[in-house]
Amino acid sequence: MRAGRLTALALLLAGGLGLSGCQSWWAAAERPLAAPLDSSRQLEHRLRIERGEQVQNLHAVLRTLPGETRVVALTETGVPVLQLRQTADDLTVTRSPLLPRQVPARLILADIQLVFWPLESLRAALPTPWRLEQEEQGRALYNGARLDNIHHGYRLTITPLQPQGAQ
């Protein structure tokens, strides 16, 4: 996986999976979800999320099937804290009490799509004033003139658990 995509995922998921209070981040206008992909793929990553002195390690699995997206986030001991299933018509969320209610599952999926979906699919789903740009260091999402999800003091280190392209 390109470093730019890892950086983008780090910046976008850190807030969503940081498991701590930053409610002002969640108050941002909700982005629409892109449609599920028409291809099959599975990616697994170890996520290390740091915010101040707080550290959270998770195992995340993203699986796409034609017309369906699934995401599962697990603790280091294998306890699922979040499961998402998206189809063209529905989003089903199963969350553990270990995941604070302030963490919006829908936004987490939108951020995952922001990193892995084709630009054209994402741009088609974004309403005005949102815009998505491909920049040298990765993708950047703007709500009007303001860059969203980057300035909230999180750091995420992503380690792939399998080679890119393996299924």
Foldseek 3Di string as FASTA:
>chain_A
DDQLLQVLLFLQCLVLQVLDDPLVQVPPDDFDAFWAAQDWDKWWKWKWKDFPPDIFIWIWMWIGHGQKIWIWIAGPVGHTAWIWIDGRVDIDIDGDVSRDPSRDPSSSNRSVCQRPPDLVRRQVRGDPPWDWDQDPSYIWIDRNPDTGRHPDRMGMDIDTPDDPPDD
